Amino acid sequence: MLITFQSRASPDVVMLRDLAQYLLGLIGKRLDTRGVIMHDELPGAIGRLEAAILADAKAEETLEPLHCSADNHRESRNRLSQRAWPFLDMMREARKSDADIIWGL
């Protein structure tokens, strides 16, 4: 199922339910039928998501030598930063415009 995040500050962001649930959990929200991230919650939410992205990158960097050698190099990475970027960008734009972010199933 697809979840659409909307804000007057940026284009819509559409993602799969599992990813939306994961990202919202990282910022302290639950994926309900409908929801909102109020503009005054955005600075904290952005900080938590950025911290999770940094932690993911550090963990990936630490584990990389265990999974890859000179003969076995992973070309494609599905990092949190790539999956979260559109949502993080929306949150940043909404913060600049003092706009809320809403979603519905």
PDB file of N, CA and C in Angstrom:
ATOM      1  N   MET A   1       0.831  -1.159   0.000  1.00  0.00           N
ATOM      2  CA  MET A   1       0.000   0.000   0.000  1.00  0.00           C
ATOM      3  C   MET A   1       0.892   1.243   0.000  1.00  0.00           C
ATOM      4  N   LEU A   2       0.452   2.267  -0.688  1.00  0.00           N
ATOM      5  CA  LEU A   2       1.202   3.514  -0.782  1.00  0.00           C
ATOM      6  C   LEU A   2       0.677   4.547   0.212  1.00  0.00           C
ATOM      7  N   ILE A   3       1.598   5.304   0.767  1.00  0.00           N
ATOM      8  CA  ILE A   3       1.270   6.396   1.682  1.00  0.00           C
ATOM      9  C   ILE A   3       1.724   7.690   1.020  1.00  0.00           C
ATOM     10  N   THR A   4       0.862   8.692   1.025  1.00  0.00           N
ATOM     11  CA  THR A   4       1.189   9.987   0.438  1.00  0.00           C
ATOM     12  C   THR A   4       1.313  11.030   1.541  1.00  0.00           C
ATOM     13  N   PHE A   5       2.476  11.653   1.600  1.00  0.00           N
ATOM     14  CA  PHE A   5       2.725  12.759   2.520  1.00  0.00           C
ATOM     15  C   PHE A   5       2.527  14.050   1.740  1.00  0.00           C
ATOM     16  N   GLN A   6       1.823  15.002   2.345  1.00  0.00           N
ATOM     17  CA  GLN A   6       1.530  16.257   1.672  1.00  0.00           C
ATOM     18  C   GLN A   6       1.866  17.441   2.570  1.00  0.00           C
ATOM     19  N   SER A   7       2.356  18.497   1.924  1.00  0.00           N
ATOM     20  CA  SER A   7       2.625  19.758   2.603  1.00  0.00           C
ATOM     21  C   SER A   7       2.501  20.869   1.574  1.00  0.00           C
ATOM     22  N   ARG A   8       2.037  22.011   2.018  1.00  0.00           N
ATOM     23  CA  ARG A   8       1.936  23.141   1.080  1.00  0.00           C
ATOM     24  C   ARG A   8       3.313  23.665   0.693  1.00  0.00           C
ATOM     25  N   ALA A   9       4.361  23.216   1.392  1.00  0.00           N
ATOM     26  CA  ALA A   9       5.716  23.719   1.167  1.00  0.00           C
ATOM     27  C   ALA A   9       6.489  22.944   0.107  1.00  0.00           C
ATOM     28  N   SER A  10       5.982  21.776  -0.306  1.00  0.00           N
ATOM     29  CA  SER A  10       6.746  20.958  -1.253  1.00  0.00           C
ATOM     30  C   SER A  10       5.813  20.011  -1.998  1.00  0.00           C
ATOM     31  N   PRO A  11       6.321  19.388  -3.068  1.00  0.00           N
ATOM     32  CA  PRO A  11       5.521  18.378  -3.763  1.00  0.00           C
ATOM     33  C   PRO A  11       5.239  17.184  -2.844  1.00  0.00           C
ATOM     34  N   ASP A  12       4.212  16.424  -3.191  1.00  0.00           N
ATOM     35  CA  ASP A  12       3.871  15.226  -2.426  1.00  0.00           C
ATOM     36  C   ASP A  12       5.021  14.227  -2.448  1.00  0.00           C
ATOM     37  N   VAL A  13       5.123  13.451  -1.385  1.00  0.00           N
ATOM     38  CA  VAL A  13       6.085  12.355  -1.299  1.00  0.00           C
ATOM     39  C   VAL A  13       5.272  11.082  -1.106  1.00  0.00           C
ATOM     40  N   VAL A  14       5.470  10.122  -2.001  1.00  0.00           N
ATOM     41  CA  VAL A  14       4.739   8.858  -1.960  1.00  0.00           C
ATOM     42  C   VAL A  14       5.734   7.742  -1.682  1.00  0.00           C
ATOM     43  N   MET A  15       5.380   6.864  -0.733  1.00  0.00           N
ATOM     44  CA  MET A  15       6.262   5.737  -0.418  1.00  0.00           C
ATOM     45  C   MET A  15       5.427   4.546   0.026  1.00  0.00           C
ATOM     46  N   LEU A  16       6.074   3.401   0.040  1.00  0.00           N
ATOM     47  CA  LEU A  16       5.412   2.191   0.502  1.00  0.00           C
ATOM     48  C   LEU A  16       5.120   2.282   1.996  1.00  0.00           C
ATOM     49  N   ARG A  17       4.082   1.607   2.405  1.00  0.00           N
ATOM     50  CA  ARG A  17       3.630   1.645   3.801  1.00  0.00           C
ATOM     51  C   ARG A  17       4.741   1.246   4.774  1.00  0.00           C
ATOM     52  N   ASP A  18       5.487   0.181   4.475  1.00  0.00           N
ATOM     53  CA  ASP A  18       6.537  -0.286   5.386  1.00  0.00           C
ATOM     54  C   ASP A  18       7.602   0.783   5.619  1.00  0.00           C
ATOM     55  N   LEU A  19       8.019   1.452   4.547  1.00  0.00           N
ATOM     56  CA  LEU A  19       9.018   2.506   4.688  1.00  0.00           C
ATOM     57  C   LEU A  19       8.444   3.691   5.462  1.00  0.00           C
ATOM     58  N   ALA A  20       7.208   4.062   5.155  1.00  0.00           N
ATOM     59  CA  ALA A  20       6.569   5.171   5.869  1.00  0.00           C
ATOM     60  C   ALA A  20       6.475   4.864   7.361  1.00  0.00           C
ATOM     61  N   GLN A  21       6.093   3.649   7.691  1.00  0.00           N
ATOM     62  CA  GLN A  21       5.984   3.247   9.094  1.00  0.00           C
ATOM     63  C   GLN A  21       7.346   3.306   9.781  1.00  0.00           C
ATOM     64  N   TYR A  22       8.379   2.857   9.088  1.00  0.00           N
ATOM     65  CA  TYR A  22       9.729   2.874   9.645  1.00  0.00           C
ATOM     66  C   TYR A  22      10.218   4.304   9.877  1.00  0.00           C
ATOM     67  N   LEU A  23      10.074   5.158   8.862  1.00  0.00           N
ATOM     68  CA  LEU A  23      10.544   6.542   8.982  1.00  0.00           C
ATOM     69  C   LEU A  23       9.771   7.308  10.048  1.00  0.00           C
ATOM     70  N   LEU A  24       8.471   7.114  10.097  1.00  0.00           N
ATOM     71  CA  LEU A  24       7.686   7.785  11.129  1.00  0.00           C
ATOM     72  C   LEU A  24       8.088   7.302  12.519  1.00  0.00           C
ATOM     73  N   GLY A  25       8.384   6.019  12.650  1.00  0.00           N
ATOM     74  CA  GLY A  25       8.853   5.492  13.930  1.00  0.00           C
ATOM     75  C   GLY A  25      10.156   6.140  14.366  1.00  0.00           C
ATOM     76  N   LEU A  26      11.037   6.401  13.408  1.00  0.00           N
ATOM     77  CA  LEU A  26      12.310   7.046  13.726  1.00  0.00           C
ATOM     78  C   LEU A  26      12.120   8.449  14.294  1.00  0.00           C
ATOM     79  N   ILE A  27      11.063   9.122  13.871  1.00  0.00           N
ATOM     80  CA  ILE A  27      10.835  10.490  14.350  1.00  0.00           C
ATOM     81  C   ILE A  27       9.806  10.544  15.479  1.00  0.00           C
ATOM     82  N   GLY A  28       9.395   9.371  15.962  1.00  0.00           N
ATOM     83  CA  GLY A  28       8.497   9.331  17.107  1.00  0.00           C
ATOM     84  C   GLY A  28       7.023   9.426  16.784  1.00  0.00           C
ATOM     85  N   LYS A  29       6.649   9.083  15.564  1.00  0.00           N
ATOM     86  CA  LYS A  29       5.245   9.116  15.149  1.00  0.00           C
ATOM     87  C   LYS A  29       4.781   7.702  14.808  1.00  0.00           C
ATOM     88  N   ARG A  30       3.465   7.526  14.800  1.00  0.00           N
ATOM     89  CA  ARG A  30       2.873   6.251  14.397  1.00  0.00           C
ATOM     90  C   ARG A  30       2.143   6.436  13.083  1.00  0.00           C
ATOM     91  N   LEU A  31       2.146   5.384  12.283  1.00  0.00           N
ATOM     92  CA  LEU A  31       1.407   5.416  11.025  1.00  0.00           C
ATOM     93  C   LEU A  31      -0.032   5.010  11.310  1.00  0.00           C
ATOM     94  N   ASP A  32      -0.898   5.982  11.439  1.00  0.00           N
ATOM     95  CA  ASP A  32      -2.325   5.746  11.608  1.00  0.00           C
ATOM     96  C   ASP A  32      -3.010   6.024  10.277  1.00  0.00           C
ATOM     97  N   THR A  33      -4.323   5.883  10.252  1.00  0.00           N
ATOM     98  CA  THR A  33      -5.073   6.137   9.030  1.00  0.00           C
ATOM     99  C   THR A  33      -4.795   7.538   8.503  1.00  0.00           C
ATOM    100  N   ARG A  34      -4.725   8.477   9.402  1.00  0.00           N
ATOM    101  CA  ARG A  34      -4.370   9.854   9.058  1.00  0.00           C
ATOM    102  C   ARG A  34      -3.432  10.376  10.125  1.00  0.00           C
ATOM    103  N   GLY A  35      -2.606  11.313   9.731  1.00  0.00           N
ATOM    104  CA  GLY A  35      -1.684  11.866  10.714  1.00  0.00           C
ATOM    105  C   GLY A  35      -1.123  13.198  10.272  1.00  0.00           C
ATOM    106  N   VAL A  36      -0.420  13.823  11.209  1.00  0.00           N
ATOM    107  CA  VAL A  36       0.163  15.131  10.933  1.00  0.00           C
ATOM    108  C   VAL A  36       1.462  15.277  11.716  1.00  0.00           C
ATOM    109  N   ILE A  37       2.402  15.941  11.089  1.00  0.00           N
ATOM    110  CA  ILE A  37       3.599  16.420  11.773  1.00  0.00           C
ATOM    111  C   ILE A  37       3.446  17.937  11.786  1.00  0.00           C
ATOM    112  N   MET A  38       3.215  18.471  12.965  1.00  0.00           N
ATOM    113  CA  MET A  38       3.003  19.906  13.097  1.00  0.00           C
ATOM    114  C   MET A  38       4.314  20.649  12.837  1.00  0.00           C
ATOM    115  N   HIS A  39       4.198  21.875  12.333  1.00  0.00           N
ATOM    116  CA  HIS A  39       5.398  22.643  11.991  1.00  0.00           C
ATOM    117  C   HIS A  39       6.325  22.837  13.187  1.00  0.00           C
ATOM    118  N   ASP A  40       5.765  22.914  14.397  1.00  0.00           N
ATOM    119  CA  ASP A  40       6.630  23.091  15.566  1.00  0.00           C
ATOM    120  C   ASP A  40       7.317  21.794  16.001  1.00  0.00           C
ATOM    121  N   GLU A  41       6.900  20.652  15.452  1.00  0.00           N
ATOM    122  CA  GLU A  41       7.548  19.369  15.723  1.00  0.00           C
ATOM    123  C   GLU A  41       8.691  19.085  14.747  1.00  0.00           C
ATOM    124  N   LEU A  42       8.741  19.828  13.666  1.00  0.00           N
ATOM    125  CA  LEU A  42       9.692  19.523  12.593  1.00  0.00           C
ATOM    126  C   LEU A  42      11.160  19.612  12.994  1.00  0.00           C
ATOM    127  N   PRO A  43      11.612  20.615  13.735  1.00  0.00           N
ATOM    128  CA  PRO A  43      13.038  20.641  14.083  1.00  0.00           C
ATOM    129  C   PRO A  43      13.498  19.371  14.807  1.00  0.00           C
ATOM    130  N   GLY A  44      12.727  18.907  15.765  1.00  0.00           N
ATOM    131  CA  GLY A  44      13.081  17.680  16.477  1.00  0.00           C
ATOM    132  C   GLY A  44      13.013  16.458  15.583  1.00  0.00           C
ATOM    133  N   ALA A  45      11.986  16.396  14.733  1.00  0.00           N
ATOM    134  CA  ALA A  45      11.829  15.259  13.828  1.00  0.00           C
ATOM    135  C   ALA A  45      12.979  15.201  12.823  1.00  0.00           C
ATOM    136  N   ILE A  46      13.363  16.341  12.311  1.00  0.00           N
ATOM    137  CA  ILE A  46      14.480  16.400  11.364  1.00  0.00           C
ATOM    138  C   ILE A  46      15.761  15.950  12.052  1.00  0.00           C
ATOM    139  N   GLY A  47      15.995  16.424  13.249  1.00  0.00           N
ATOM    140  CA  GLY A  47      17.187  16.029  14.002  1.00  0.00           C
ATOM    141  C   GLY A  47      17.243  14.530  14.250  1.00  0.00           C
ATOM    142  N   ARG A  48      16.101  13.938  14.624  1.00  0.00           N
ATOM    143  CA  ARG A  48      16.073  12.489  14.873  1.00  0.00           C
ATOM    144  C   ARG A  48      16.322  11.698  13.596  1.00  0.00           C
ATOM    145  N   LEU A  49      15.731  12.132  12.475  1.00  0.00           N
ATOM    146  CA  LEU A  49      15.935  11.414  11.221  1.00  0.00           C
ATOM    147  C   LEU A  49      17.378  11.564  10.739  1.00  0.00           C
ATOM    148  N   GLU A  50      17.942  12.755  10.855  1.00  0.00           N
ATOM    149  CA  GLU A  50      19.343  12.949  10.465  1.00  0.00           C
ATOM    150  C   GLU A  50      20.273  12.101  11.330  1.00  0.00           C
ATOM    151  N   ALA A  51      19.988  11.995  12.618  1.00  0.00           N
ATOM    152  CA  ALA A  51      20.804  11.162  13.511  1.00  0.00           C
ATOM    153  C   ALA A  51      20.710   9.690  13.116  1.00  0.00           C
ATOM    154  N   ALA A  52      19.518   9.239  12.744  1.00  0.00           N
ATOM    155  CA  ALA A  52      19.342   7.849  12.311  1.00  0.00           C
ATOM    156  C   ALA A  52      20.097   7.588  11.013  1.00  0.00           C
ATOM    157  N   ILE A  53      20.101   8.551  10.107  1.00  0.00           N
ATOM    158  CA  ILE A  53      20.828   8.407   8.843  1.00  0.00           C
ATOM    159  C   ILE A  53      22.326   8.313   9.107  1.00  0.00           C
ATOM    160  N   LEU A  54      22.836   9.166   9.993  1.00  0.00           N
ATOM    161  CA  LEU A  54      24.264   9.115  10.338  1.00  0.00           C
ATOM    162  C   LEU A  54      24.628   7.793  11.004  1.00  0.00           C
ATOM    163  N   ALA A  55      23.775   7.307  11.893  1.00  0.00           N
ATOM    164  CA  ALA A  55      24.033   6.026  12.560  1.00  0.00           C
ATOM    165  C   ALA A  55      24.030   4.884  11.553  1.00  0.00           C
ATOM    166  N   ASP A  56      23.117   4.932  10.595  1.00  0.00           N
ATOM    167  CA  ASP A  56      23.056   3.907   9.553  1.00  0.00           C
ATOM    168  C   ASP A  56      24.312   3.932   8.694  1.00  0.00           C
ATOM    169  N   ALA A  57      24.768   5.128   8.324  1.00  0.00           N
ATOM    170  CA  ALA A  57      25.976   5.250   7.504  1.00  0.00           C
ATOM    171  C   ALA A  57      27.198   4.736   8.257  1.00  0.00           C
ATOM    172  N   LYS A  58      27.272   5.048   9.544  1.00  0.00           N
ATOM    173  CA  LYS A  58      28.399   4.582  10.346  1.00  0.00           C
ATOM    174  C   LYS A  58      28.380   3.062  10.475  1.00  0.00           C
ATOM    175  N   ALA A  59      27.211   2.484  10.692  1.00  0.00           N
ATOM    176  CA  ALA A  59      27.095   1.027  10.790  1.00  0.00           C
ATOM    177  C   ALA A  59      27.479   0.368   9.468  1.00  0.00           C
ATOM    178  N   GLU A  60      27.051   0.953   8.369  1.00  0.00           N
ATOM    179  CA  GLU A  60      27.389   0.414   7.046  1.00  0.00           C
ATOM    180  C   GLU A  60      28.892   0.476   6.814  1.00  0.00           C
ATOM    181  N   GLU A  61      29.495   1.589   7.204  1.00  0.00           N
ATOM    182  CA  GLU A  61      30.941   1.755   7.044  1.00  0.00           C
ATOM    183  C   GLU A  61      31.701   0.733   7.891  1.00  0.00           C
ATOM    184  N   THR A  62      31.210   0.482   9.077  1.00  0.00           N
ATOM    185  CA  THR A  62      31.844  -0.486   9.971  1.00  0.00           C
ATOM    186  C   THR A  62      31.716  -1.909   9.438  1.00  0.00           C
ATOM    187  N   LEU A  63      30.560  -2.233   8.876  1.00  0.00           N
ATOM    188  CA  LEU A  63      30.303  -3.593   8.401  1.00  0.00           C
ATOM    189  C   LEU A  63      30.819  -3.858   6.990  1.00  0.00           C
ATOM    190  N   GLU A  64      31.092  -2.816   6.239  1.00  0.00           N
ATOM    191  CA  GLU A  64      31.529  -2.963   4.841  1.00  0.00           C
ATOM    192  C   GLU A  64      32.703  -3.925   4.678  1.00  0.00           C
ATOM    193  N   PRO A  65      33.769  -3.813   5.454  1.00  0.00           N
ATOM    194  CA  PRO A  65      34.898  -4.734   5.273  1.00  0.00           C
ATOM    195  C   PRO A  65      34.533  -6.196   5.535  1.00  0.00           C
ATOM    196  N   LEU A  66      33.530  -6.431   6.337  1.00  0.00           N
ATOM    197  CA  LEU A  66      33.122  -7.806   6.620  1.00  0.00           C
ATOM    198  C   LEU A  66      32.384  -8.443   5.453  1.00  0.00           C
ATOM    199  N   HIS A  67      31.723  -7.623   4.655  1.00  0.00           N
ATOM    200  CA  HIS A  67      30.910  -8.136   3.558  1.00  0.00           C
ATOM    201  C   HIS A  67      31.596  -8.077   2.203  1.00  0.00           C
ATOM    202  N   CYS A  68      32.586  -7.251   2.072  1.00  0.00           N
ATOM    203  CA  CYS A  68      33.195  -7.032   0.765  1.00  0.00           C
ATOM    204  C   CYS A  68      34.701  -7.240   0.826  1.00  0.00           C
ATOM    205  N   SER A  69      35.199  -7.766  -0.252  1.00  0.00           N
ATOM    206  CA  SER A  69      36.641  -7.883  -0.424  1.00  0.00           C
ATOM    207  C   SER A  69      36.976  -7.288  -1.786  1.00  0.00           C
ATOM    208  N   ALA A  70      38.222  -7.377  -2.188  1.00  0.00           N
ATOM    209  CA  ALA A  70      38.620  -6.840  -3.495  1.00  0.00           C
ATOM    210  C   ALA A  70      37.877  -7.552  -4.623  1.00  0.00           C
ATOM    211  N   ASP A  71      37.563  -8.821  -4.427  1.00  0.00           N
ATOM    212  CA  ASP A  71      36.864  -9.597  -5.458  1.00  0.00           C
ATOM    213  C   ASP A  71      35.348  -9.498  -5.345  1.00  0.00           C
ATOM    214  N   ASN A  72      34.857  -9.074  -4.221  1.00  0.00           N
ATOM    215  CA  ASN A  72      33.423  -9.058  -3.967  1.00  0.00           C
ATOM    216  C   ASN A  72      33.018  -7.665  -3.496  1.00  0.00           C
ATOM    217  N   HIS A  73      32.729  -6.786  -4.433  1.00  0.00           N
ATOM    218  CA  HIS A  73      32.360  -5.410  -4.087  1.00  0.00           C
ATOM    219  C   HIS A  73      30.878  -5.205  -4.373  1.00  0.00           C
ATOM    220  N   ARG A  74      30.165  -4.654  -3.407  1.00  0.00           N
ATOM    221  CA  ARG A  74      28.737  -4.395  -3.592  1.00  0.00           C
ATOM    222  C   ARG A  74      28.566  -3.093  -4.366  1.00  0.00           C
ATOM    223  N   GLU A  75      27.866  -3.167  -5.465  1.00  0.00           N
ATOM    224  CA  GLU A  75      27.640  -1.985  -6.297  1.00  0.00           C
ATOM    225  C   GLU A  75      26.451  -1.168  -5.803  1.00  0.00           C
ATOM    226  N   SER A  76      25.386  -1.840  -5.447  1.00  0.00           N
ATOM    227  CA  SER A  76      24.160  -1.144  -5.082  1.00  0.00           C
ATOM    228  C   SER A  76      23.940  -1.212  -3.574  1.00  0.00           C
ATOM    229  N   ARG A  77      23.731  -0.057  -2.992  1.00  0.00           N
ATOM    230  CA  ARG A  77      23.449   0.006  -1.563  1.00  0.00           C
ATOM    231  C   ARG A  77      22.073   0.616  -1.372  1.00  0.00           C
ATOM    232  N   ASN A  78      21.346   0.036  -0.481  1.00  0.00           N
ATOM    233  CA  ASN A  78      20.014   0.545  -0.176  1.00  0.00           C
ATOM    234  C   ASN A  78      20.060   1.208   1.193  1.00  0.00           C
ATOM    235  N   ARG A  79      20.755   2.304   1.265  1.00  0.00           N
ATOM    236  CA  ARG A  79      20.967   2.996   2.535  1.00  0.00           C
ATOM    237  C   ARG A  79      19.746   3.808   2.940  1.00  0.00           C
ATOM    238  N   LEU A  80      19.669   4.019   4.232  1.00  0.00           N
ATOM    239  CA  LEU A  80      18.585   4.824   4.783  1.00  0.00           C
ATOM    240  C   LEU A  80      18.598   6.226   4.189  1.00  0.00           C
ATOM    241  N   SER A  81      19.764   6.783   3.954  1.00  0.00           N
ATOM    242  CA  SER A  81      19.838   8.144   3.409  1.00  0.00           C
ATOM    243  C   SER A  81      19.142   8.244   2.056  1.00  0.00           C
ATOM    244  N   GLN A  82      19.265   7.216   1.234  1.00  0.00           N
ATOM    245  CA  GLN A  82      18.619   7.226  -0.077  1.00  0.00           C
ATOM    246  C   GLN A  82      17.108   7.084   0.046  1.00  0.00           C
ATOM    247  N   ARG A  83      16.676   6.219   0.943  1.00  0.00           N
ATOM    248  CA  ARG A  83      15.244   5.978   1.096  1.00  0.00           C
ATOM    249  C   ARG A  83      14.543   7.129   1.806  1.00  0.00           C
ATOM    250  N   ALA A  84      15.249   7.795   2.716  1.00  0.00           N
ATOM    251  CA  ALA A  84      14.631   8.852   3.521  1.00  0.00           C
ATOM    252  C   ALA A  84      14.754  10.239   2.897  1.00  0.00           C
ATOM    253  N   TRP A  85      15.621  10.411   1.902  1.00  0.00           N
ATOM    254  CA  TRP A  85      15.902  11.747   1.382  1.00  0.00           C
ATOM    255  C   TRP A  85      14.657  12.525   0.959  1.00  0.00           C
ATOM    256  N   PRO A  86      13.725  11.966   0.170  1.00  0.00           N
ATOM    257  CA  PRO A  86      12.565  12.781  -0.224  1.00  0.00           C
ATOM    258  C   PRO A  86      11.743  13.266   0.976  1.00  0.00           C
ATOM    259  N   PHE A  87      11.584  12.400   1.966  1.00  0.00           N
ATOM    260  CA  PHE A  87      10.828  12.760   3.169  1.00  0.00           C
ATOM    261  C   PHE A  87      11.578  13.809   3.988  1.00  0.00           C
ATOM    262  N   LEU A  88      12.878  13.636   4.125  1.00  0.00           N
ATOM    263  CA  LEU A  88      13.699  14.603   4.858  1.00  0.00           C
ATOM    264  C   LEU A  88      13.678  15.958   4.158  1.00  0.00           C
ATOM    265  N   ASP A  89      13.765  15.952   2.843  1.00  0.00           N
ATOM    266  CA  ASP A  89      13.705  17.197   2.077  1.00  0.00           C
ATOM    267  C   ASP A  89      12.358  17.891   2.286  1.00  0.00           C
ATOM    268  N   MET A  90      11.281  17.111   2.279  1.00  0.00           N
ATOM    269  CA  MET A  90       9.953  17.677   2.520  1.00  0.00           C
ATOM    270  C   MET A  90       9.889  18.308   3.907  1.00  0.00           C
ATOM    271  N   MET A  91      10.427  17.621   4.901  1.00  0.00           N
ATOM    272  CA  MET A  91      10.405  18.164   6.261  1.00  0.00           C
ATOM    273  C   MET A  91      11.200  19.461   6.349  1.00  0.00           C
ATOM    274  N   ARG A  92      12.330  19.517   5.685  1.00  0.00           N
ATOM    275  CA  ARG A  92      13.142  20.747   5.707  1.00  0.00           C
ATOM    276  C   ARG A  92      12.402  21.912   5.053  1.00  0.00           C
ATOM    277  N   GLU A  93      11.767  21.641   3.916  1.00  0.00           N
ATOM    278  CA  GLU A  93      11.012  22.695   3.223  1.00  0.00           C
ATOM    279  C   GLU A  93       9.815  23.142   4.058  1.00  0.00           C
ATOM    280  N   ALA A  94       9.153  22.200   4.692  1.00  0.00           N
ATOM    281  CA  ALA A  94       8.007  22.543   5.542  1.00  0.00           C
ATOM    282  C   ALA A  94       8.457  23.387   6.731  1.00  0.00           C
ATOM    283  N   ARG A  95       9.612  23.063   7.289  1.00  0.00           N
ATOM    284  CA  ARG A  95      10.136  23.850   8.416  1.00  0.00           C
ATOM    285  C   ARG A  95      10.399  25.293   7.978  1.00  0.00           C
ATOM    286  N   LYS A  96      10.993  25.464   6.795  1.00  0.00           N
ATOM    287  CA  LYS A  96      11.276  26.816   6.295  1.00  0.00           C
ATOM    288  C   LYS A  96      10.003  27.635   6.120  1.00  0.00           C
ATOM    289  N   SER A  97       8.918  26.958   5.727  1.00  0.00           N
ATOM    290  CA  SER A  97       7.654  27.644   5.442  1.00  0.00           C
ATOM    291  C   SER A  97       6.669  27.612   6.604  1.00  0.00           C
ATOM    292  N   ASP A  98       7.089  27.078   7.743  1.00  0.00           N
ATOM    293  CA  ASP A  98       6.172  26.903   8.887  1.00  0.00           C
ATOM    294  C   ASP A  98       4.906  26.157   8.473  1.00  0.00           C
ATOM    295  N   ALA A  99       5.098  25.101   7.694  1.00  0.00           N
ATOM    296  CA  ALA A  99       3.976  24.306   7.192  1.00  0.00           C
ATOM    297  C   ALA A  99       3.944  22.947   7.887  1.00  0.00           C
ATOM    298  N   ASP A 100       2.757  22.382   7.980  1.00  0.00           N
ATOM    299  CA  ASP A 100       2.591  21.044   8.529  1.00  0.00           C
ATOM    300  C   ASP A 100       2.737  20.011   7.414  1.00  0.00           C
ATOM    301  N   ILE A 101       2.946  18.766   7.806  1.00  0.00           N
ATOM    302  CA  ILE A 101       2.951  17.639   6.874  1.00  0.00           C
ATOM    303  C   ILE A 101       1.823  16.714   7.303  1.00  0.00           C
ATOM    304  N   ILE A 102       0.988  16.332   6.347  1.00  0.00           N
ATOM    305  CA  ILE A 102      -0.118  15.425   6.641  1.00  0.00           C
ATOM    306  C   ILE A 102       0.009  14.179   5.789  1.00  0.00           C
ATOM    307  N   TRP A 103      -0.641  13.119   6.238  1.00  0.00           N
ATOM    308  CA  TRP A 103      -0.697  11.904   5.440  1.00  0.00           C
ATOM    309  C   TRP A 103      -2.016  11.204   5.685  1.00  0.00           C
ATOM    310  N   GLY A 104      -2.366  10.360   4.744  1.00  0.00           N
ATOM    311  CA  GLY A 104      -3.562   9.535   4.855  1.00  0.00           C
ATOM    312  C   GLY A 104      -3.376   8.280   4.034  1.00  0.00           C
ATOM    313  N   LEU A 105      -4.048   7.234   4.435  1.00  0.00           N
ATOM    314  CA  LEU A 105      -3.897   5.956   3.734  1.00  0.00           C
ATOM    315  C   LEU A 105      -4.735   5.932   2.498  1.00  0.00           C
TER     316      LEU A 105
END
